[in-house]
C-alpha atoms as a PDB file:
ATOM      1  CA  UNK A   1      21.439 -15.074 -19.596  1.00  0.00           C
ATOM      2  CA  UNK A   2      18.577 -17.535 -18.856  1.00  0.00           C
ATOM      3  CA  UNK A   3      16.573 -14.662 -17.364  1.00  0.00           C
ATOM      4  CA  UNK A   4      17.021 -12.554 -20.456  1.00  0.00           C
ATOM      5  CA  UNK A   5      15.737 -15.328 -22.698  1.00  0.00           C
ATOM      6  CA  UNK A   6      12.879 -15.976 -20.258  1.00  0.00           C
ATOM      7  CA  UNK A   7      11.962 -12.336 -20.213  1.00  0.00           C
ATOM      8  CA  UNK A   8      12.144 -12.072 -24.002  1.00  0.00           C
ATOM      9  CA  UNK A   9      10.001 -15.193 -24.442  1.00  0.00           C
ATOM     10  CA  UNK A  10       7.321 -13.741 -21.988  1.00  0.00           C
ATOM     11  CA  UNK A  11       7.333 -10.363 -23.827  1.00  0.00           C
ATOM     12  CA  UNK A  12       6.979 -12.151 -27.301  1.00  0.00           C
ATOM     13  CA  UNK A  13       4.296 -14.387 -26.015  1.00  0.00           C
ATOM     14  CA  UNK A  14       2.334 -11.410 -24.463  1.00  0.00           C
ATOM     15  CA  UNK A  15       2.727  -9.343 -27.632  1.00  0.00           C
ATOM     16  CA  UNK A  16       1.404 -12.188 -29.823  1.00  0.00           C
ATOM     17  CA  UNK A  17      -1.553 -12.881 -27.481  1.00  0.00           C
ATOM     18  CA  UNK A  18      -2.560  -9.249 -27.028  1.00  0.00           C
ATOM     19  CA  UNK A  19      -1.659  -7.624 -30.426  1.00  0.00           C
ATOM     20  CA  UNK A  20      -1.113 -10.076 -33.235  1.00  0.00           C
ATOM     21  CA  UNK A  21      -3.791 -12.724 -32.604  1.00  0.00           C
ATOM     22  CA  UNK A  22      -6.674 -10.290 -32.201  1.00  0.00           C
ATOM     23  CA  UNK A  23      -5.494  -8.436 -35.388  1.00  0.00           C
ATOM     24  CA  UNK A  24      -5.078 -11.569 -37.584  1.00  0.00           C
ATOM     25  CA  UNK A  25      -7.971 -13.717 -36.288  1.00  0.00           C
ATOM     26  CA  UNK A  26     -11.643 -13.319 -35.935  1.00  0.00           C
ATOM     27  CA  UNK A  27     -12.761 -15.392 -32.932  1.00  0.00           C
ATOM     28  CA  UNK A  28     -16.392 -16.440 -32.499  1.00  0.00           C
ATOM     29  CA  UNK A  29     -18.330 -15.504 -29.402  1.00  0.00           C
ATOM     30  CA  UNK A  30     -20.235 -18.726 -28.898  1.00  0.00           C
ATOM     31  CA  UNK A  31     -18.876 -21.635 -26.919  1.00  0.00           C
ATOM     32  CA  UNK A  32     -17.438 -24.687 -28.695  1.00  0.00           C
ATOM     33  CA  UNK A  33     -19.715 -27.737 -28.860  1.00  0.00           C
ATOM     34  CA  UNK A  34     -18.656 -30.820 -26.837  1.00  0.00           C
ATOM     35  CA  UNK A  35     -18.103 -33.068 -29.891  1.00  0.00           C
ATOM     36  CA  UNK A  36     -16.130 -30.253 -31.688  1.00  0.00           C
ATOM     37  CA  UNK A  37     -13.963 -29.895 -28.627  1.00  0.00           C
ATOM     38  CA  UNK A  38     -13.250 -33.678 -28.596  1.00  0.00           C
ATOM     39  CA  UNK A  39     -12.492 -33.750 -32.283  1.00  0.00           C
ATOM     40  CA  UNK A  40     -10.245 -30.690 -32.126  1.00  0.00           C
ATOM     41  CA  UNK A  41      -8.422 -31.883 -29.029  1.00  0.00           C
ATOM     42  CA  UNK A  42      -7.787 -35.225 -30.680  1.00  0.00           C
ATOM     43  CA  UNK A  43      -6.324 -33.612 -33.828  1.00  0.00           C
ATOM     44  CA  UNK A  44      -4.261 -31.212 -31.660  1.00  0.00           C
ATOM     45  CA  UNK A  45      -2.862 -34.093 -29.527  1.00  0.00           C
ATOM     46  CA  UNK A  46      -2.006 -36.152 -32.644  1.00  0.00           C
ATOM     47  CA  UNK A  47      -0.266 -33.173 -34.167  1.00  0.00           C
ATOM     48  CA  UNK A  48      -2.497 -32.919 -37.163  1.00  0.00           C
ATOM     49  CA  UNK A  49      -2.866 -29.795 -39.262  1.00  0.00           C
ATOM     50  CA  UNK A  50      -5.676 -27.652 -37.773  1.00  0.00           C
ATOM     51  CA  UNK A  51      -6.100 -24.942 -40.387  1.00  0.00           C
ATOM     52  CA  UNK A  52      -9.744 -24.759 -41.433  1.00  0.00           C
ATOM     53  CA  UNK A  53     -10.886 -27.593 -39.185  1.00  0.00           C
ATOM     54  CA  UNK A  54     -11.564 -25.782 -35.940  1.00  0.00           C
ATOM     55  CA  UNK A  55     -14.915 -23.976 -35.574  1.00  0.00           C
ATOM     56  CA  UNK A  56     -14.886 -20.682 -33.936  1.00  0.00           C
ATOM     57  CA  UNK A  57     -12.109 -18.806 -35.603  1.00  0.00           C
ATOM     58  CA  UNK A  58     -11.148 -17.404 -38.995  1.00  0.00           C
ATOM     59  CA  UNK A  59      -7.693 -16.170 -40.090  1.00  0.00           C
ATOM     60  CA  UNK A  60      -7.266 -13.084 -42.278  1.00  0.00           C
ATOM     61  CA  UNK A  61      -4.498 -14.107 -44.683  1.00  0.00           C
ATOM     62  CA  UNK A  62      -3.886 -10.503 -45.808  1.00  0.00           C
ATOM     63  CA  UNK A  63      -3.455  -9.358 -42.202  1.00  0.00           C
ATOM     64  CA  UNK A  64      -1.198 -12.243 -41.382  1.00  0.00           C
ATOM     65  CA  UNK A  65       1.033 -11.359 -44.385  1.00  0.00           C
ATOM     66  CA  UNK A  66       1.190  -7.696 -43.231  1.00  0.00           C
ATOM     67  CA  UNK A  67       2.198  -8.646 -39.677  1.00  0.00           C
ATOM     68  CA  UNK A  68       4.739 -11.118 -40.999  1.00  0.00           C
ATOM     69  CA  UNK A  69       6.198  -8.663 -43.524  1.00  0.00           C
ATOM     70  CA  UNK A  70       6.569  -6.144 -40.644  1.00  0.00           C
ATOM     71  CA  UNK A  71       8.283  -8.738 -38.410  1.00  0.00           C
ATOM     72  CA  UNK A  72      10.472  -9.897 -41.354  1.00  0.00           C
ATOM     73  CA  UNK A  73      11.613  -6.316 -41.891  1.00  0.00           C
ATOM     74  CA  UNK A  74      12.539  -5.863 -38.144  1.00  0.00           C
ATOM     75  CA  UNK A  75      14.955  -8.685 -38.563  1.00  0.00           C
ATOM     76  CA  UNK A  76      16.262  -8.268 -42.120  1.00  0.00           C
ATOM     77  CA  UNK A  77      16.724  -4.526 -42.227  1.00  0.00           C
ATOM     78  CA  UNK A  78      19.246  -4.220 -39.376  1.00  0.00           C
ATOM     79  CA  UNK A  79      21.250  -7.152 -40.904  1.00  0.00           C
ATOM     80  CA  UNK A  80      21.249  -5.683 -44.348  1.00  0.00           C
ATOM     81  CA  UNK A  81      22.299  -2.214 -42.916  1.00  0.00           C
ATOM     82  CA  UNK A  82      25.164  -3.807 -41.067  1.00  0.00           C
ATOM     83  CA  UNK A  83      26.285  -5.775 -44.054  1.00  0.00           C
ATOM     84  CA  UNK A  84      25.667  -3.061 -46.689  1.00  0.00           C
ATOM     85  CA  UNK A  85      29.359  -2.319 -47.383  1.00  0.00           C
ATOM     86  CA  UNK A  86      30.054  -5.947 -48.056  1.00  0.00           C
ATOM     87  CA  UNK A  87      26.803  -6.483 -50.075  1.00  0.00           C
ATOM     88  CA  UNK A  88      27.649  -3.451 -52.255  1.00  0.00           C
ATOM     89  CA  UNK A  89      30.847  -5.025 -53.444  1.00  0.00           C
ATOM     90  CA  UNK A  90      29.366  -8.443 -54.268  1.00  0.00           C
ATOM     91  CA  UNK A  91      28.920  -9.588 -57.814  1.00  0.00           C
ATOM     92  CA  UNK A  92      25.362  -9.178 -59.254  1.00  0.00           C
ATOM     93  CA  UNK A  93      25.073 -12.869 -60.075  1.00  0.00           C
ATOM     94  CA  UNK A  94      25.650 -13.700 -56.470  1.00  0.00           C
ATOM     95  CA  UNK A  95      23.125 -11.116 -55.375  1.00  0.00           C
ATOM     96  CA  UNK A  96      20.523 -12.734 -57.654  1.00  0.00           C
ATOM     97  CA  UNK A  97      21.124 -16.103 -56.092  1.00  0.00           C
ATOM     98  CA  UNK A  98      20.939 -14.442 -52.607  1.00  0.00           C
ATOM     99  CA  UNK A  99      17.613 -12.799 -53.546  1.00  0.00           C
ATOM    100  CA  UNK A 100      16.208 -16.211 -54.681  1.00  0.00           C
ATOM    101  CA  UNK A 101      17.422 -17.787 -51.410  1.00  0.00           C
ATOM    102  CA  UNK A 102      15.870 -15.058 -49.245  1.00  0.00           C
ATOM    103  CA  UNK A 103      12.564 -15.192 -51.129  1.00  0.00           C
ATOM    104  CA  UNK A 104      12.437 -18.910 -50.414  1.00  0.00           C
ATOM    105  CA  UNK A 105      13.343 -18.381 -46.924  1.00  0.00           C
ATOM    106  CA  UNK A 106      10.598 -15.722 -46.645  1.00  0.00           C
ATOM    107  CA  UNK A 107       7.825 -18.103 -47.784  1.00  0.00           C
ATOM    108  CA  UNK A 108       9.221 -20.978 -45.641  1.00  0.00           C
ATOM    109  CA  UNK A 109       9.284 -18.879 -42.465  1.00  0.00           C
ATOM    110  CA  UNK A 110       5.846 -17.545 -43.318  1.00  0.00           C
ATOM    111  CA  UNK A 111       4.508 -21.169 -43.331  1.00  0.00           C
ATOM    112  CA  UNK A 112       6.146 -21.771 -39.871  1.00  0.00           C
ATOM    113  CA  UNK A 113       4.796 -18.458 -38.573  1.00  0.00           C
ATOM    114  CA  UNK A 114       1.237 -19.341 -39.808  1.00  0.00           C
ATOM    115  CA  UNK A 115       1.357 -22.781 -38.247  1.00  0.00           C
ATOM    116  CA  UNK A 116       2.534 -21.241 -34.931  1.00  0.00           C
ATOM    117  CA  UNK A 117      -0.274 -18.693 -34.947  1.00  0.00           C
ATOM    118  CA  UNK A 118      -2.940 -21.346 -35.781  1.00  0.00           C
ATOM    119  CA  UNK A 119      -1.667 -23.700 -33.101  1.00  0.00           C
ATOM    120  CA  UNK A 120      -1.531 -20.891 -30.530  1.00  0.00           C
ATOM    121  CA  UNK A 121      -5.136 -19.803 -31.276  1.00  0.00           C
ATOM    122  CA  UNK A 122      -6.291 -23.435 -31.374  1.00  0.00           C
ATOM    123  CA  UNK A 123      -4.857 -24.142 -27.983  1.00  0.00           C
ATOM    124  CA  UNK A 124      -6.442 -21.006 -26.597  1.00  0.00           C
ATOM    125  CA  UNK A 125      -9.810 -22.016 -28.038  1.00  0.00           C
ATOM    126  CA  UNK A 126      -9.422 -25.638 -26.763  1.00  0.00           C
ATOM    127  CA  UNK A 127      -8.509 -24.521 -23.311  1.00  0.00           C
ATOM    128  CA  UNK A 128     -11.439 -22.090 -23.151  1.00  0.00           C
ATOM    129  CA  UNK A 129     -13.863 -24.922 -24.297  1.00  0.00           C
ATOM    130  CA  UNK A 130     -12.234 -27.295 -21.859  1.00  0.00           C
ATOM    131  CA  UNK A 131     -13.141 -25.043 -18.997  1.00  0.00           C
ATOM    132  CA  UNK A 132     -16.606 -25.088 -20.138  1.00  0.00           C
ATOM    133  CA  UNK A 133     -17.033 -28.888 -20.654  1.00  0.00           C
ATOM    134  CA  UNK A 134     -14.465 -30.340 -18.227  1.00  0.00           C
ATOM    135  CA  UNK A 135     -14.200 -27.794 -15.348  1.00  0.00           C
ATOM    136  CA  UNK A 136     -13.047 -30.410 -12.810  1.00  0.00           C
ATOM    137  CA  UNK A 137     -10.242 -31.787 -14.900  1.00  0.00           C
ATOM    138  CA  UNK A 138      -6.935 -29.894 -15.649  1.00  0.00           C
ATOM    139  CA  UNK A 139      -6.272 -29.605 -19.341  1.00  0.00           C
ATOM    140  CA  UNK A 140      -2.561 -30.174 -19.114  1.00  0.00           C
ATOM    141  CA  UNK A 141      -3.067 -33.413 -17.112  1.00  0.00           C
ATOM    142  CA  UNK A 142      -6.010 -34.927 -18.914  1.00  0.00           C
ATOM    143  CA  UNK A 143      -5.982 -33.705 -22.510  1.00  0.00           C
ATOM    144  CA  UNK A 144      -4.042 -36.637 -23.930  1.00  0.00           C
ATOM    145  CA  UNK A 145      -6.122 -39.022 -21.882  1.00  0.00           C
ATOM    146  CA  UNK A 146      -9.386 -37.544 -23.167  1.00  0.00           C
ATOM    147  CA  UNK A 147      -8.166 -37.801 -26.784  1.00  0.00           C
ATOM    148  CA  UNK A 148      -7.364 -41.479 -26.281  1.00  0.00           C
ATOM    149  CA  UNK A 149     -10.713 -42.099 -24.608  1.00  0.00           C
ATOM    150  CA  UNK A 150     -12.402 -40.328 -27.491  1.00  0.00           C
ATOM    151  CA  UNK A 151     -10.582 -42.503 -30.009  1.00  0.00           C
ATOM    152  CA  UNK A 152     -11.678 -45.620 -28.104  1.00  0.00           C
ATOM    153  CA  UNK A 153     -15.329 -44.328 -28.090  1.00  0.00           C
ATOM    154  CA  UNK A 154     -15.202 -43.753 -31.801  1.00  0.00           C
ATOM    155  CA  UNK A 155     -13.992 -47.297 -32.301  1.00  0.00           C
ATOM    156  CA  UNK A 156     -16.826 -48.654 -30.063  1.00  0.00           C
ATOM    157  CA  UNK A 157     -19.255 -46.519 -31.948  1.00  0.00           C
ATOM    158  CA  UNK A 158     -20.625 -44.788 -28.847  1.00  0.00           C
ATOM    159  CA  UNK A 159     -23.528 -42.541 -29.838  1.00  0.00           C
ATOM    160  CA  UNK A 160     -22.862 -38.786 -29.570  1.00  0.00           C
ATOM    161  CA  UNK A 161     -25.656 -38.358 -26.955  1.00  0.00           C
ATOM    162  CA  UNK A 162     -23.753 -40.796 -24.633  1.00  0.00           C
ATOM    163  CA  UNK A 163     -20.234 -39.564 -25.458  1.00  0.00           C
ATOM    164  CA  UNK A 164     -19.849 -37.052 -22.574  1.00  0.00           C
ATOM    165  CA  UNK A 165     -21.093 -39.583 -19.964  1.00  0.00           C
ATOM    166  CA  UNK A 166     -18.813 -42.263 -21.407  1.00  0.00           C
ATOM    167  CA  UNK A 167     -15.700 -39.994 -21.356  1.00  0.00           C
ATOM    168  CA  UNK A 168     -16.400 -38.673 -17.849  1.00  0.00           C
ATOM    169  CA  UNK A 169     -16.907 -42.220 -16.583  1.00  0.00           C
ATOM    170  CA  UNK A 170     -13.647 -43.299 -18.105  1.00  0.00           C
ATOM    171  CA  UNK A 171     -11.841 -40.220 -16.601  1.00  0.00           C
ATOM    172  CA  UNK A 172     -13.260 -40.768 -13.108  1.00  0.00           C
ATOM    173  CA  UNK A 173     -12.527 -44.549 -13.372  1.00  0.00           C
ATOM    174  CA  UNK A 174      -8.808 -43.885 -14.140  1.00  0.00           C
ATOM    175  CA  UNK A 175      -8.478 -41.362 -11.273  1.00  0.00           C
END
């Protein structure tokens, strides 16, 4: 059973990375600036909302709705077909209430879907920029540490031209 869920998770992740993200997002070709990487990594590590704050990508809202409506119908249509005999006998007042609930559920799940896509793309962009600016430090091991060091540097008002040297010195010092 665990293998099935693992396989499904891998397939969903691959489909999202290869099909949905390139269709919904326009990604910039240029590399991310060092200070943008630091600011974005800090926001990502703190769990802040990233929409519209990361340079290098733009989301097409219309395309995201199209993809979401397609995915929504993949889930809802089989369920509604399976329960059609039961739904056909329900009072119309109850159906109106169910329609309101499903509409609310649609927009709530769209917000979750949108945040998931933005976080996925943000992480992909951050990791790409990380390889450019911190090639000798693994992202998974040092991302939180760099965010903390960057916060300290902002508190100490380290100039932007000395920021990279300051952060690299602190990383090497802690190793």
